[in-house]
Amino acid sequence: MRAFLLYCLEVKRAATLPIMTTIPTIHLNGTGFTTLRDEYAAAYDAINKAINALANATCNGRDYYPQGEQAFYDAREERQEAFNKLCEVKNYAAEMLAGICDQQR
């Protein structure tokens, strides 16, 4: 339970922008709080792992210079775009998890 509370605190800090995500409403006929929380927490963790894995993947200028002077700069820009997309998805998961946690009873 303590880990869950730390999750919610981390997620609320990560979701500093106004919520732009349609949050599910927890109610008797819908998916339960615990299920939604656990599924979005798992997604959030997986996205963090993907971000870390991409950060650890080599992006070295020596691997690109045979393609010309611009190749490494293009590769770095493409890599940054990929990071930006992952961060967008992470923010989505954070907003969902924060919205779900706010409904805990």
PDB file of N, CA and C in Angstrom:
ATOM      1  N   MET A   1       0.825  -1.195   0.000  1.00  0.00           N
ATOM      2  CA  MET A   1       0.000   0.000   0.000  1.00  0.00           C
ATOM      3  C   MET A   1       0.868   1.258   0.000  1.00  0.00           C
ATOM      4  N   ARG A   2       1.987   1.215   0.728  1.00  0.00           N
ATOM      5  CA  ARG A   2       2.880   2.374   0.755  1.00  0.00           C
ATOM      6  C   ARG A   2       3.418   2.667  -0.640  1.00  0.00           C
ATOM      7  N   ALA A   3       3.774   1.605  -1.375  1.00  0.00           N
ATOM      8  CA  ALA A   3       4.273   1.796  -2.737  1.00  0.00           C
ATOM      9  C   ALA A   3       3.220   2.463  -3.613  1.00  0.00           C
ATOM     10  N   PHE A   4       1.972   2.072  -3.417  1.00  0.00           N
ATOM     11  CA  PHE A   4       0.888   2.686  -4.181  1.00  0.00           C
ATOM     12  C   PHE A   4       0.780   4.173  -3.883  1.00  0.00           C
ATOM     13  N   LEU A   5       0.881   4.548  -2.610  1.00  0.00           N
ATOM     14  CA  LEU A   5       0.794   5.957  -2.238  1.00  0.00           C
ATOM     15  C   LEU A   5       1.954   6.748  -2.825  1.00  0.00           C
ATOM     16  N   LEU A   6       3.138   6.152  -2.818  1.00  0.00           N
ATOM     17  CA  LEU A   6       4.279   6.818  -3.442  1.00  0.00           C
ATOM     18  C   LEU A   6       4.054   6.982  -4.936  1.00  0.00           C
ATOM     19  N   TYR A   7       3.441   5.974  -5.556  1.00  0.00           N
ATOM     20  CA  TYR A   7       3.079   6.053  -6.965  1.00  0.00           C
ATOM     21  C   TYR A   7       2.213   7.270  -7.219  1.00  0.00           C
ATOM     22  N   CYS A   8       1.161   7.385  -6.420  1.00  0.00           N
ATOM     23  CA  CYS A   8       0.225   8.487  -6.619  1.00  0.00           C
ATOM     24  C   CYS A   8       0.905   9.832  -6.440  1.00  0.00           C
ATOM     25  N   LEU A   9       1.798   9.934  -5.468  1.00  0.00           N
ATOM     26  CA  LEU A   9       2.527  11.189  -5.284  1.00  0.00           C
ATOM     27  C   LEU A   9       3.419  11.492  -6.474  1.00  0.00           C
ATOM     28  N   GLU A  10       4.130  10.476  -6.973  1.00  0.00           N
ATOM     29  CA  GLU A  10       5.001  10.668  -8.125  1.00  0.00           C
ATOM     30  C   GLU A  10       4.181  11.066  -9.349  1.00  0.00           C
ATOM     31  N   VAL A  11       3.066  10.379  -9.540  1.00  0.00           N
ATOM     32  CA  VAL A  11       2.234  10.639 -10.704  1.00  0.00           C
ATOM     33  C   VAL A  11       1.633  12.039 -10.631  1.00  0.00           C
ATOM     34  N   LYS A  12       1.176  12.447  -9.460  1.00  0.00           N
ATOM     35  CA  LYS A  12       0.600  13.785  -9.328  1.00  0.00           C
ATOM     36  C   LYS A  12       1.647  14.855  -9.599  1.00  0.00           C
ATOM     37  N   ARG A  13       2.887  14.610  -9.188  1.00  0.00           N
ATOM     38  CA  ARG A  13       3.956  15.564  -9.498  1.00  0.00           C
ATOM     39  C   ARG A  13       4.226  15.582 -10.999  1.00  0.00           C
ATOM     40  N   ALA A  14       4.164  14.414 -11.644  1.00  0.00           N
ATOM     41  CA  ALA A  14       4.433  14.335 -13.076  1.00  0.00           C
ATOM     42  C   ALA A  14       3.325  14.996 -13.887  1.00  0.00           C
ATOM     43  N   ALA A  15       2.113  14.971 -13.381  1.00  0.00           N
ATOM     44  CA  ALA A  15       0.969  15.533 -14.101  1.00  0.00           C
ATOM     45  C   ALA A  15       0.735  16.972 -13.646  1.00  0.00           C
ATOM     46  N   THR A  16       1.712  17.839 -13.928  1.00  0.00           N
ATOM     47  CA  THR A  16       1.613  19.221 -13.471  1.00  0.00           C
ATOM     48  C   THR A  16       0.783  20.088 -14.399  1.00  0.00           C
ATOM     49  N   LEU A  17       0.619  19.675 -15.623  1.00  0.00           N
ATOM     50  CA  LEU A  17      -0.192  20.441 -16.565  1.00  0.00           C
ATOM     51  C   LEU A  17      -1.664  20.156 -16.310  1.00  0.00           C
ATOM     52  N   PRO A  18      -2.541  21.047 -16.754  1.00  0.00           N
ATOM     53  CA  PRO A  18      -3.974  20.765 -16.602  1.00  0.00           C
ATOM     54  C   PRO A  18      -4.314  19.432 -17.270  1.00  0.00           C
ATOM     55  N   ILE A  19      -5.185  18.686 -16.645  1.00  0.00           N
ATOM     56  CA  ILE A  19      -5.537  17.372 -17.187  1.00  0.00           C
ATOM     57  C   ILE A  19      -6.263  17.542 -18.522  1.00  0.00           C
ATOM     58  N   MET A  20      -5.701  16.913 -19.532  1.00  0.00           N
ATOM     59  CA  MET A  20      -6.244  16.980 -20.884  1.00  0.00           C
ATOM     60  C   MET A  20      -6.789  15.616 -21.290  1.00  0.00           C
ATOM     61  N   THR A  21      -6.854  14.704 -20.341  1.00  0.00           N
ATOM     62  CA  THR A  21      -7.247  13.330 -20.603  1.00  0.00           C
ATOM     63  C   THR A  21      -8.631  13.081 -20.015  1.00  0.00           C
ATOM     64  N   THR A  22      -9.441  12.341 -20.734  1.00  0.00           N
ATOM     65  CA  THR A  22     -10.748  11.959 -20.215  1.00  0.00           C
ATOM     66  C   THR A  22     -10.554  10.805 -19.243  1.00  0.00           C
ATOM     67  N   ILE A  23     -10.801  11.085 -17.974  1.00  0.00           N
ATOM     68  CA  ILE A  23     -10.564  10.127 -16.898  1.00  0.00           C
ATOM     69  C   ILE A  23     -11.810   9.254 -16.708  1.00  0.00           C
ATOM     70  N   PRO A  24     -11.641   7.938 -16.559  1.00  0.00           N
ATOM     71  CA  PRO A  24     -12.805   7.090 -16.294  1.00  0.00           C
ATOM     72  C   PRO A  24     -13.395   7.411 -14.913  1.00  0.00           C
ATOM     73  N   THR A  25     -14.688   7.296 -14.802  1.00  0.00           N
ATOM     74  CA  THR A  25     -15.363   7.502 -13.529  1.00  0.00           C
ATOM     75  C   THR A  25     -15.513   6.159 -12.833  1.00  0.00           C
ATOM     76  N   ILE A  26     -15.060   6.092 -11.601  1.00  0.00           N
ATOM     77  CA  ILE A  26     -15.190   4.867 -10.815  1.00  0.00           C
ATOM     78  C   ILE A  26     -16.634   4.793 -10.296  1.00  0.00           C
ATOM     79  N   HIS A  27     -17.339   3.719 -10.657  1.00  0.00           N
ATOM     80  CA  HIS A  27     -18.721   3.525 -10.198  1.00  0.00           C
ATOM     81  C   HIS A  27     -19.027   2.032 -10.193  1.00  0.00           C
ATOM     82  N   LEU A  28     -20.164   1.668  -9.624  1.00  0.00           N
ATOM     83  CA  LEU A  28     -20.494   0.256  -9.421  1.00  0.00           C
ATOM     84  C   LEU A  28     -20.576  -0.565 -10.701  1.00  0.00           C
ATOM     85  N   ASN A  29     -21.011   0.013 -11.804  1.00  0.00           N
ATOM     86  CA  ASN A  29     -21.172  -0.743 -13.045  1.00  0.00           C
ATOM     87  C   ASN A  29     -19.930  -0.725 -13.930  1.00  0.00           C
ATOM     88  N   GLY A  30     -18.879  -0.049 -13.479  1.00  0.00           N
ATOM     89  CA  GLY A  30     -17.680   0.074 -14.305  1.00  0.00           C
ATOM     90  C   GLY A  30     -16.533  -0.765 -13.758  1.00  0.00           C
ATOM     91  N   THR A  31     -15.388  -0.566 -14.363  1.00  0.00           N
ATOM     92  CA  THR A  31     -14.180  -1.257 -13.918  1.00  0.00           C
ATOM     93  C   THR A  31     -13.800  -0.750 -12.537  1.00  0.00           C
ATOM     94  N   GLY A  32     -13.362  -1.640 -11.673  1.00  0.00           N
ATOM     95  CA  GLY A  32     -13.037  -1.283 -10.299  1.00  0.00           C
ATOM     96  C   GLY A  32     -11.803  -0.405 -10.169  1.00  0.00           C
ATOM     97  N   PHE A  33     -11.758   0.317  -9.071  1.00  0.00           N
ATOM     98  CA  PHE A  33     -10.645   1.225  -8.784  1.00  0.00           C
ATOM     99  C   PHE A  33      -9.307   0.494  -8.827  1.00  0.00           C
ATOM    100  N   THR A  34      -9.212  -0.628  -8.135  1.00  0.00           N
ATOM    101  CA  THR A  34      -7.947  -1.349  -8.040  1.00  0.00           C
ATOM    102  C   THR A  34      -7.471  -1.817  -9.408  1.00  0.00           C
ATOM    103  N   THR A  35      -8.378  -2.320 -10.214  1.00  0.00           N
ATOM    104  CA  THR A  35      -8.012  -2.782 -11.559  1.00  0.00           C
ATOM    105  C   THR A  35      -7.475  -1.633 -12.394  1.00  0.00           C
ATOM    106  N   LEU A  36      -8.218  -0.526 -12.437  1.00  0.00           N
ATOM    107  CA  LEU A  36      -7.770   0.628 -13.220  1.00  0.00           C
ATOM    108  C   LEU A  36      -6.433   1.148 -12.717  1.00  0.00           C
ATOM    109  N   ARG A  37      -6.319   1.290 -11.401  1.00  0.00           N
ATOM    110  CA  ARG A  37      -5.073   1.788 -10.815  1.00  0.00           C
ATOM    111  C   ARG A  37      -3.900   0.897 -11.185  1.00  0.00           C
ATOM    112  N   ASP A  38      -4.062  -0.405 -10.999  1.00  0.00           N
ATOM    113  CA  ASP A  38      -2.966  -1.334 -11.256  1.00  0.00           C
ATOM    114  C   ASP A  38      -2.588  -1.380 -12.736  1.00  0.00           C
ATOM    115  N   GLU A  39      -3.580  -1.349 -13.609  1.00  0.00           N
ATOM    116  CA  GLU A  39      -3.290  -1.390 -15.047  1.00  0.00           C
ATOM    117  C   GLU A  39      -2.551  -0.133 -15.513  1.00  0.00           C
ATOM    118  N   TYR A  40      -2.986   1.033 -15.056  1.00  0.00           N
ATOM    119  CA  TYR A  40      -2.304   2.266 -15.472  1.00  0.00           C
ATOM    120  C   TYR A  40      -0.954   2.423 -14.780  1.00  0.00           C
ATOM    121  N   ALA A  41      -0.825   1.892 -13.561  1.00  0.00           N
ATOM    122  CA  ALA A  41       0.481   1.903 -12.895  1.00  0.00           C
ATOM    123  C   ALA A  41       1.462   1.019 -13.665  1.00  0.00           C
ATOM    124  N   ALA A  42       0.998  -0.121 -14.135  1.00  0.00           N
ATOM    125  CA  ALA A  42       1.848  -1.012 -14.933  1.00  0.00           C
ATOM    126  C   ALA A  42       2.252  -0.345 -16.241  1.00  0.00           C
ATOM    127  N   ALA A  43       1.305   0.343 -16.871  1.00  0.00           N
ATOM    128  CA  ALA A  43       1.624   1.056 -18.115  1.00  0.00           C
ATOM    129  C   ALA A  43       2.659   2.145 -17.855  1.00  0.00           C
ATOM    130  N   TYR A  44       2.474   2.898 -16.766  1.00  0.00           N
ATOM    131  CA  TYR A  44       3.403   3.965 -16.400  1.00  0.00           C
ATOM    132  C   TYR A  44       4.807   3.405 -16.186  1.00  0.00           C
ATOM    133  N   ASP A  45       4.894   2.283 -15.474  1.00  0.00           N
ATOM    134  CA  ASP A  45       6.193   1.638 -15.251  1.00  0.00           C
ATOM    135  C   ASP A  45       6.834   1.184 -16.562  1.00  0.00           C
ATOM    136  N   ALA A  46       6.035   0.593 -17.423  1.00  0.00           N
ATOM    137  CA  ALA A  46       6.559   0.095 -18.699  1.00  0.00           C
ATOM    138  C   ALA A  46       7.083   1.245 -19.560  1.00  0.00           C
ATOM    139  N   ILE A  47       6.390   2.357 -19.553  1.00  0.00           N
ATOM    140  CA  ILE A  47       6.836   3.520 -20.330  1.00  0.00           C
ATOM    141  C   ILE A  47       8.152   4.046 -19.763  1.00  0.00           C
ATOM    142  N   ASN A  48       8.266   4.097 -18.434  1.00  0.00           N
ATOM    143  CA  ASN A  48       9.538   4.505 -17.822  1.00  0.00           C
ATOM    144  C   ASN A  48      10.671   3.577 -18.233  1.00  0.00           C
ATOM    145  N   LYS A  49      10.397   2.280 -18.271  1.00  0.00           N
ATOM    146  CA  LYS A  49      11.416   1.316 -18.697  1.00  0.00           C
ATOM    147  C   LYS A  49      11.804   1.549 -20.156  1.00  0.00           C
ATOM    148  N   ALA A  50      10.824   1.862 -20.992  1.00  0.00           N
ATOM    149  CA  ALA A  50      11.108   2.139 -22.404  1.00  0.00           C
ATOM    150  C   ALA A  50      11.967   3.391 -22.541  1.00  0.00           C
ATOM    151  N   ILE A  51      11.658   4.413 -21.765  1.00  0.00           N
ATOM    152  CA  ILE A  51      12.456   5.646 -21.806  1.00  0.00           C
ATOM    153  C   ILE A  51      13.893   5.347 -21.385  1.00  0.00           C
ATOM    154  N   ASN A  52      14.049   4.581 -20.306  1.00  0.00           N
ATOM    155  CA  ASN A  52      15.402   4.233 -19.842  1.00  0.00           C
ATOM    156  C   ASN A  52      16.142   3.374 -20.855  1.00  0.00           C
ATOM    157  N   ALA A  53      15.444   2.441 -21.480  1.00  0.00           N
ATOM    158  CA  ALA A  53      16.081   1.584 -22.479  1.00  0.00           C
ATOM    159  C   ALA A  53      16.552   2.403 -23.672  1.00  0.00           C
ATOM    160  N   LEU A  54      15.729   3.340 -24.116  1.00  0.00           N
ATOM    161  CA  LEU A  54      16.130   4.186 -25.240  1.00  0.00           C
ATOM    162  C   LEU A  54      17.299   5.075 -24.845  1.00  0.00           C
ATOM    163  N   ALA A  55      17.288   5.591 -23.627  1.00  0.00           N
ATOM    164  CA  ALA A  55      18.389   6.433 -23.160  1.00  0.00           C
ATOM    165  C   ALA A  55      19.704   5.647 -23.127  1.00  0.00           C
ATOM    166  N   ASN A  56      19.611   4.355 -22.835  1.00  0.00           N
ATOM    167  CA  ASN A  56      20.812   3.516 -22.754  1.00  0.00           C
ATOM    168  C   ASN A  56      21.270   2.998 -24.115  1.00  0.00           C
ATOM    169  N   ALA A  57      20.443   3.146 -25.139  1.00  0.00           N
ATOM    170  CA  ALA A  57      20.831   2.696 -26.479  1.00  0.00           C
ATOM    171  C   ALA A  57      21.872   3.664 -27.052  1.00  0.00           C
ATOM    172  N   THR A  58      22.895   3.117 -27.636  1.00  0.00           N
ATOM    173  CA  THR A  58      24.005   3.917 -28.155  1.00  0.00           C
ATOM    174  C   THR A  58      23.571   4.806 -29.307  1.00  0.00           C
ATOM    175  N   CYS A  59      23.999   6.042 -29.226  1.00  0.00           N
ATOM    176  CA  CYS A  59      23.828   6.997 -30.332  1.00  0.00           C
ATOM    177  C   CYS A  59      25.153   7.742 -30.426  1.00  0.00           C
ATOM    178  N   ASN A  60      26.070   7.183 -31.222  1.00  0.00           N
ATOM    179  CA  ASN A  60      27.440   7.669 -31.295  1.00  0.00           C
ATOM    180  C   ASN A  60      27.737   8.182 -32.697  1.00  0.00           C
ATOM    181  N   GLY A  61      28.332   9.349 -32.769  1.00  0.00           N
ATOM    182  CA  GLY A  61      28.661   9.954 -34.053  1.00  0.00           C
ATOM    183  C   GLY A  61      29.513   9.072 -34.951  1.00  0.00           C
ATOM    184  N   ARG A  62      30.360   8.225 -34.346  1.00  0.00           N
ATOM    185  CA  ARG A  62      31.214   7.333 -35.155  1.00  0.00           C
ATOM    186  C   ARG A  62      30.404   6.335 -35.962  1.00  0.00           C
ATOM    187  N   ASP A  63      29.161   6.093 -35.525  1.00  0.00           N
ATOM    188  CA  ASP A  63      28.322   5.121 -36.234  1.00  0.00           C
ATOM    189  C   ASP A  63      27.623   5.740 -37.449  1.00  0.00           C
ATOM    190  N   TYR A  64      27.736   7.034 -37.596  1.00  0.00           N
ATOM    191  CA  TYR A  64      26.991   7.725 -38.655  1.00  0.00           C
ATOM    192  C   TYR A  64      27.860   8.447 -39.669  1.00  0.00           C
ATOM    193  N   TYR A  65      29.113   8.738 -39.355  1.00  0.00           N
ATOM    194  CA  TYR A  65      29.891   9.585 -40.260  1.00  0.00           C
ATOM    195  C   TYR A  65      30.059   9.028 -41.673  1.00  0.00           C
ATOM    196  N   PRO A  66      30.027   7.686 -41.882  1.00  0.00           N
ATOM    197  CA  PRO A  66      30.121   7.228 -43.273  1.00  0.00           C
ATOM    198  C   PRO A  66      28.927   7.668 -44.133  1.00  0.00           C
ATOM    199  N   GLN A  67      27.827   8.077 -43.478  1.00  0.00           N
ATOM    200  CA  GLN A  67      26.628   8.498 -44.217  1.00  0.00           C
ATOM    201  C   GLN A  67      26.661   9.978 -44.585  1.00  0.00           C
ATOM    202  N   GLY A  68      27.660  10.684 -44.130  1.00  0.00           N
ATOM    203  CA  GLY A  68      27.767  12.112 -44.430  1.00  0.00           C
ATOM    204  C   GLY A  68      27.721  12.945 -43.164  1.00  0.00           C
ATOM    205  N   GLU A  69      28.057  14.224 -43.321  1.00  0.00           N
ATOM    206  CA  GLU A  69      28.176  15.128 -42.177  1.00  0.00           C
ATOM    207  C   GLU A  69      26.872  15.312 -41.400  1.00  0.00           C
ATOM    208  N   GLN A  70      25.755  15.273 -42.079  1.00  0.00           N
ATOM    209  CA  GLN A  70      24.466  15.576 -41.452  1.00  0.00           C
ATOM    210  C   GLN A  70      23.819  14.372 -40.767  1.00  0.00           C
ATOM    211  N   ALA A  71      24.270  13.167 -41.079  1.00  0.00           N
ATOM    212  CA  ALA A  71      23.591  11.951 -40.618  1.00  0.00           C
ATOM    213  C   ALA A  71      23.468  11.869 -39.095  1.00  0.00           C
ATOM    214  N   PHE A  72      24.554  12.159 -38.370  1.00  0.00           N
ATOM    215  CA  PHE A  72      24.494  12.060 -36.913  1.00  0.00           C
ATOM    216  C   PHE A  72      23.524  13.081 -36.339  1.00  0.00           C
ATOM    217  N   TYR A  73      23.512  14.276 -36.877  1.00  0.00           N
ATOM    218  CA  TYR A  73      22.593  15.314 -36.381  1.00  0.00           C
ATOM    219  C   TYR A  73      21.140  14.915 -36.647  1.00  0.00           C
ATOM    220  N   ASP A  74      20.910  14.312 -37.810  1.00  0.00           N
ATOM    221  CA  ASP A  74      19.570  13.811 -38.113  1.00  0.00           C
ATOM    222  C   ASP A  74      19.182  12.695 -37.140  1.00  0.00           C
ATOM    223  N   ALA A  75      20.108  11.800 -36.876  1.00  0.00           N
ATOM    224  CA  ALA A  75      19.838  10.681 -35.959  1.00  0.00           C
ATOM    225  C   ALA A  75      19.532  11.195 -34.556  1.00  0.00           C
ATOM    226  N   ARG A  76      20.284  12.191 -34.088  1.00  0.00           N
ATOM    227  CA  ARG A  76      20.017  12.755 -32.752  1.00  0.00           C
ATOM    228  C   ARG A  76      18.657  13.435 -32.702  1.00  0.00           C
ATOM    229  N   GLU A  77      18.301  14.131 -33.771  1.00  0.00           N
ATOM    230  CA  GLU A  77      16.990  14.787 -33.809  1.00  0.00           C
ATOM    231  C   GLU A  77      15.865  13.749 -33.811  1.00  0.00           C
ATOM    232  N   GLU A  78      16.020  12.699 -34.589  1.00  0.00           N
ATOM    233  CA  GLU A  78      15.019  11.629 -34.620  1.00  0.00           C
ATOM    234  C   GLU A  78      14.893  10.960 -33.257  1.00  0.00           C
ATOM    235  N   ARG A  79      16.015  10.764 -32.590  1.00  0.00           N
ATOM    236  CA  ARG A  79      16.013  10.165 -31.251  1.00  0.00           C
ATOM    237  C   ARG A  79      15.268  11.072 -30.270  1.00  0.00           C
ATOM    238  N   GLN A  80      15.512  12.376 -30.349  1.00  0.00           N
ATOM    239  CA  GLN A  80      14.826  13.314 -29.466  1.00  0.00           C
ATOM    240  C   GLN A  80      13.316  13.299 -29.723  1.00  0.00           C
ATOM    241  N   GLU A  81      12.919  13.192 -30.984  1.00  0.00           N
ATOM    242  CA  GLU A  81      11.494  13.095 -31.312  1.00  0.00           C
ATOM    243  C   GLU A  81      10.880  11.839 -30.688  1.00  0.00           C
ATOM    244  N   ALA A  82      11.627  10.749 -30.716  1.00  0.00           N
ATOM    245  CA  ALA A  82      11.141   9.505 -30.097  1.00  0.00           C
ATOM    246  C   ALA A  82      10.993   9.690 -28.585  1.00  0.00           C
ATOM    247  N   PHE A  83      11.969  10.334 -27.943  1.00  0.00           N
ATOM    248  CA  PHE A  83      11.859  10.623 -26.513  1.00  0.00           C
ATOM    249  C   PHE A  83      10.641  11.489 -26.222  1.00  0.00           C
ATOM    250  N   ASN A  84      10.427  12.495 -27.054  1.00  0.00           N
ATOM    251  CA  ASN A  84       9.279  13.385 -26.859  1.00  0.00           C
ATOM    252  C   ASN A  84       7.965  12.622 -26.929  1.00  0.00           C
ATOM    253  N   LYS A  85       7.865  11.686 -27.871  1.00  0.00           N
ATOM    254  CA  LYS A  85       6.644  10.883 -27.992  1.00  0.00           C
ATOM    255  C   LYS A  85       6.455   9.997 -26.771  1.00  0.00           C
ATOM    256  N   LEU A  86       7.530   9.386 -26.298  1.00  0.00           N
ATOM    257  CA  LEU A  86       7.427   8.566 -25.092  1.00  0.00           C
ATOM    258  C   LEU A  86       7.006   9.413 -23.896  1.00  0.00           C
ATOM    259  N   CYS A  87       7.526  10.632 -23.810  1.00  0.00           N
ATOM    260  CA  CYS A  87       7.151  11.513 -22.702  1.00  0.00           C
ATOM    261  C   CYS A  87       5.679  11.913 -22.790  1.00  0.00           C
ATOM    262  N   GLU A  88       5.164  12.092 -23.998  1.00  0.00           N
ATOM    263  CA  GLU A  88       3.738  12.380 -24.164  1.00  0.00           C
ATOM    264  C   GLU A  88       2.897  11.209 -23.646  1.00  0.00           C
ATOM    265  N   VAL A  89       3.304  10.006 -23.983  1.00  0.00           N
ATOM    266  CA  VAL A  89       2.571   8.818 -23.544  1.00  0.00           C
ATOM    267  C   VAL A  89       2.691   8.676 -22.025  1.00  0.00           C
ATOM    268  N   LYS A  90       3.867   8.961 -21.478  1.00  0.00           N
ATOM    269  CA  LYS A  90       4.056   8.901 -20.029  1.00  0.00           C
ATOM    270  C   LYS A  90       3.140   9.910 -19.342  1.00  0.00           C
ATOM    271  N   ASN A  91       3.044  11.113 -19.886  1.00  0.00           N
ATOM    272  CA  ASN A  91       2.159  12.119 -19.305  1.00  0.00           C
ATOM    273  C   ASN A  91       0.700  11.681 -19.361  1.00  0.00           C
ATOM    274  N   TYR A  92       0.303  11.045 -20.465  1.00  0.00           N
ATOM    275  CA  TYR A  92      -1.058  10.519 -20.573  1.00  0.00           C
ATOM    276  C   TYR A  92      -1.315   9.513 -19.450  1.00  0.00           C
ATOM    277  N   ALA A  93      -0.395   8.549 -19.288  1.00  0.00           N
ATOM    278  CA  ALA A  93      -0.561   7.531 -18.245  1.00  0.00           C
ATOM    279  C   ALA A  93      -0.561   8.180 -16.860  1.00  0.00           C
ATOM    280  N   ALA A  94       0.271   9.194 -16.663  1.00  0.00           N
ATOM    281  CA  ALA A  94       0.320   9.889 -15.376  1.00  0.00           C
ATOM    282  C   ALA A  94      -0.999  10.601 -15.086  1.00  0.00           C
ATOM    283  N   GLU A  95      -1.557  11.256 -16.103  1.00  0.00           N
ATOM    284  CA  GLU A  95      -2.845  11.937 -15.926  1.00  0.00           C
ATOM    285  C   GLU A  95      -3.950  10.937 -15.604  1.00  0.00           C
ATOM    286  N   MET A  96      -3.957   9.820 -16.315  1.00  0.00           N
ATOM    287  CA  MET A  96      -4.965   8.794 -16.046  1.00  0.00           C
ATOM    288  C   MET A  96      -4.820   8.268 -14.622  1.00  0.00           C
ATOM    289  N   LEU A  97      -3.607   7.934 -14.222  1.00  0.00           N
ATOM    290  CA  LEU A  97      -3.380   7.387 -12.897  1.00  0.00           C
ATOM    291  C   LEU A  97      -3.713   8.407 -11.814  1.00  0.00           C
ATOM    292  N   ALA A  98      -3.341   9.652 -12.001  1.00  0.00           N
ATOM    293  CA  ALA A  98      -3.672  10.688 -11.022  1.00  0.00           C
ATOM    294  C   ALA A  98      -5.180  10.861 -10.910  1.00  0.00           C
ATOM    295  N   GLY A  99      -5.880  10.874 -12.039  1.00  0.00           N
ATOM    296  CA  GLY A  99      -7.335  11.014 -12.025  1.00  0.00           C
ATOM    297  C   GLY A  99      -8.021   9.842 -11.357  1.00  0.00           C
ATOM    298  N   ILE A 100      -7.484   8.661 -11.562  1.00  0.00           N
ATOM    299  CA  ILE A 100      -8.026   7.462 -10.923  1.00  0.00           C
ATOM    300  C   ILE A 100      -7.750   7.519  -9.421  1.00  0.00           C
ATOM    301  N   CYS A 101      -6.521   7.869  -9.052  1.00  0.00           N
ATOM    302  CA  CYS A 101      -6.160   7.947  -7.620  1.00  0.00           C
ATOM    303  C   CYS A 101      -6.991   8.992  -6.896  1.00  0.00           C
ATOM    304  N   ASP A 102      -7.331  10.069  -7.566  1.00  0.00           N
ATOM    305  CA  ASP A 102      -8.155  11.117  -6.941  1.00  0.00           C
ATOM    306  C   ASP A 102      -9.539  10.601  -6.546  1.00  0.00           C
ATOM    307  N   GLN A 103      -9.969   9.488  -7.141  1.00  0.00           N
ATOM    308  CA  GLN A 103     -11.294   8.944  -6.858  1.00  0.00           C
ATOM    309  C   GLN A 103     -11.273   7.839  -5.801  1.00  0.00           C
ATOM    310  N   GLN A 104     -10.105   7.604  -5.198  1.00  0.00           N
ATOM    311  CA  GLN A 104     -10.009   6.545  -4.194  1.00  0.00           C
ATOM    312  C   GLN A 104     -10.954   6.845  -3.030  1.00  0.00           C
ATOM    313  N   ARG A 105     -11.645   5.836  -2.599  1.00  0.00           N
ATOM    314  CA  ARG A 105     -12.619   6.001  -1.497  1.00  0.00           C
ATOM    315  C   ARG A 105     -12.161   5.281  -0.279  1.00  0.00           C
TER     316      ARG A 105
END
